[in-house]
Amino acid sequence: MYFWKIEKFKEAIITGRMKPKDLWLYCIAYILTYSGLLVYTLVGLFSQGYWGIATLQIVLVMAGTYYAYYQNKKAFNTFYFCGIAWMVLVRTSFFMAMGMLNLYVMSHLFDVVYLVDFRNTAIIACGFELLFYWRIAKHLSDF
């Protein structure tokens, strides 16, 4: 199973080395991880009364998935989408975690801790969500 090297994953699909069973693992990993993160975010936003940001998050998921489909209508395959989305999710989560850690440390160093709350981190996550779907669409357009 590939975690980081999207080019090797695409090469395995094109050359036929990727079996359907392997692609199912990507779908399960992506759906469980992404839906878990999404539900956690939405529950937090709704419980704190940030309905607008929660709605924006839902719209981003629907629009991003449609954008990925639109970029590659001819060869759109759910399994390819899940595989690429899984690796992009791993990458995006890593870079988002590094950015959030940096924000957390800097806010404590400069004593502006009040800026780091759930609403602001959700807004930053929306930006990463845009990058997430843009990269998925870019990689899917290679097929």
Protein backbone atom coordinates (compact mmCIF):
# COMPACT_ATOMS: atom_id res chain seq x y z
CA MET A 1 0.00 0.00 0.00
CA TYR A 2 1.33 3.39 -1.00
CA PHE A 3 1.21 6.23 1.50
CA TRP A 4 3.22 9.05 -0.04
CA LYS A 5 4.43 8.26 -3.57
CA ILE A 6 1.50 9.09 -5.82
CA GLU A 7 3.55 8.68 -8.99
CA LYS A 8 4.34 5.05 -8.13
CA PHE A 9 0.65 4.44 -7.42
CA LYS A 10 -0.36 5.86 -10.79
CA GLU A 11 2.34 3.81 -12.50
CA ALA A 12 1.06 0.64 -10.80
CA ILE A 13 -2.45 1.35 -12.06
CA ILE A 14 -1.34 2.11 -15.60
CA THR A 15 0.87 -0.99 -15.83
CA GLY A 16 -1.83 -3.21 -14.31
CA ARG A 17 0.09 -4.25 -11.18
CA MET A 18 -2.63 -2.85 -8.92
CA LYS A 19 -5.27 -5.47 -8.14
CA PRO A 20 -8.92 -4.64 -7.31
CA LYS A 21 -8.41 -5.98 -3.77
CA ASP A 22 -5.63 -3.46 -3.23
CA LEU A 23 -7.82 -0.63 -4.47
CA TRP A 24 -10.53 -1.63 -1.97
CA LEU A 25 -8.03 -1.13 0.84
CA TYR A 26 -7.45 2.43 -0.35
CA CYS A 27 -11.20 3.07 -0.41
CA ILE A 28 -11.67 1.74 3.10
CA ALA A 29 -8.68 3.68 4.46
CA TYR A 30 -9.72 6.92 2.77
CA ILE A 31 -13.41 6.72 3.65
CA LEU A 32 -12.80 5.84 7.30
CA THR A 33 -10.09 8.44 7.84
CA TYR A 34 -11.72 11.28 5.93
CA SER A 35 -15.22 10.70 7.28
CA GLY A 36 -13.84 10.50 10.82
CA LEU A 37 -12.05 13.82 10.44
CA LEU A 38 -15.06 15.41 8.77
CA VAL A 39 -17.53 14.22 11.42
CA TYR A 40 -15.23 15.39 14.22
CA THR A 41 -14.98 18.84 12.62
CA LEU A 42 -18.69 19.15 11.87
CA VAL A 43 -19.77 18.05 15.35
CA GLY A 44 -17.39 20.56 16.90
CA LEU A 45 -18.57 23.37 14.65
CA PHE A 46 -22.27 22.64 15.10
CA SER A 47 -21.96 22.24 18.88
CA GLN A 48 -20.19 25.58 19.21
CA GLY A 49 -22.72 27.33 16.99
CA TYR A 50 -20.54 27.94 13.95
CA TRP A 51 -23.22 26.94 11.45
CA GLY A 52 -21.76 28.99 8.60
CA ILE A 53 -18.33 27.37 8.72
CA ALA A 54 -19.91 23.91 9.08
CA THR A 55 -22.07 24.57 6.03
CA LEU A 56 -19.02 25.81 4.13
CA GLN A 57 -17.21 22.59 5.03
CA ILE A 58 -20.06 20.47 3.65
CA VAL A 59 -20.21 22.55 0.47
CA LEU A 60 -16.44 22.20 0.02
CA VAL A 61 -16.69 18.41 0.22
CA MET A 62 -19.47 18.25 -2.38
CA ALA A 63 -17.93 20.86 -4.68
CA GLY A 64 -14.45 19.34 -4.37
CA THR A 65 -15.65 15.87 -5.24
CA TYR A 66 -17.56 17.23 -8.21
CA TYR A 67 -14.51 19.23 -9.31
CA ALA A 68 -12.37 16.07 -9.23
CA TYR A 69 -15.03 14.27 -11.26
CA TYR A 70 -15.31 17.17 -13.71
CA GLN A 71 -11.54 17.30 -14.26
CA ASN A 72 -11.51 13.66 -15.35
CA LYS A 73 -14.98 12.74 -16.61
CA LYS A 74 -13.73 10.26 -19.20
CA ALA A 75 -11.82 7.96 -16.89
CA PHE A 76 -13.23 8.78 -13.45
CA ASN A 77 -12.94 5.69 -11.32
CA THR A 78 -13.97 5.64 -7.66
CA PHE A 79 -11.09 3.35 -6.79
CA TYR A 80 -8.52 5.64 -8.40
CA PHE A 81 -10.12 8.59 -6.65
CA CYS A 82 -9.89 6.84 -3.28
CA GLY A 83 -6.28 5.80 -3.81
CA ILE A 84 -5.11 9.22 -4.83
CA ALA A 85 -7.29 10.90 -2.21
CA TRP A 86 -5.78 8.65 0.48
CA MET A 87 -2.23 9.70 -0.39
CA VAL A 88 -3.16 13.36 -0.76
CA LEU A 89 -4.96 13.14 2.60
CA VAL A 90 -1.84 11.73 4.25
CA ARG A 91 0.28 14.51 2.75
CA THR A 92 -2.23 17.26 3.51
CA SER A 93 -2.70 16.04 7.08
CA PHE A 94 1.05 16.05 7.64
CA PHE A 95 1.55 19.58 6.33
CA MET A 96 -1.56 20.85 8.10
CA ALA A 97 -0.34 19.34 11.38
CA MET A 98 3.04 21.03 10.93
CA GLY A 99 1.36 24.36 10.17
CA MET A 100 -1.00 24.09 13.13
CA LEU A 101 1.88 23.13 15.44
CA ASN A 102 3.78 26.17 14.21
CA LEU A 103 0.72 28.36 14.78
CA TYR A 104 0.26 26.94 18.28
CA VAL A 105 3.91 27.48 19.25
CA MET A 106 4.04 31.00 17.77
CA SER A 107 0.78 32.02 19.46
CA HIS A 108 2.20 30.95 22.82
CA LEU A 109 5.53 32.66 22.20
CA PHE A 110 3.88 35.96 21.29
CA ASP A 111 1.07 35.60 23.85
CA VAL A 112 -1.81 35.66 21.38
CA VAL A 113 -3.26 32.30 22.43
CA TYR A 114 -6.81 33.62 22.02
CA LEU A 115 -6.32 33.50 18.23
CA VAL A 116 -6.03 29.72 18.22
CA ASP A 117 -9.57 28.49 18.78
CA PHE A 118 -11.75 25.89 17.09
CA ARG A 119 -13.33 28.39 14.69
CA ASN A 120 -10.03 29.76 13.41
CA THR A 121 -8.49 26.32 12.99
CA ALA A 122 -11.61 25.21 11.07
CA ILE A 123 -11.22 28.20 8.76
CA ILE A 124 -7.59 27.24 8.13
CA ALA A 125 -8.73 23.65 7.54
CA CYS A 126 -11.11 24.92 4.84
CA GLY A 127 -8.11 26.37 3.02
CA PHE A 128 -6.33 23.02 3.24
CA GLU A 129 -9.52 21.37 1.98
CA LEU A 130 -9.38 23.50 -1.16
CA LEU A 131 -5.77 22.47 -1.72
CA PHE A 132 -6.71 18.86 -1.00
CA TYR A 133 -9.32 18.65 -3.78
CA TRP A 134 -7.22 20.69 -6.19
CA ARG A 135 -4.36 18.20 -5.85
CA ILE A 136 -6.71 15.22 -6.23
CA ALA A 137 -8.11 16.70 -9.43
CA LYS A 138 -4.63 17.41 -10.74
CA HIS A 139 -3.51 13.81 -10.18
CA LEU A 140 -6.73 12.36 -11.60
CA SER A 141 -6.27 14.41 -14.77
CA ASP A 142 -3.14 12.34 -15.48
CA PHE A 143 -5.27 9.26 -16.25
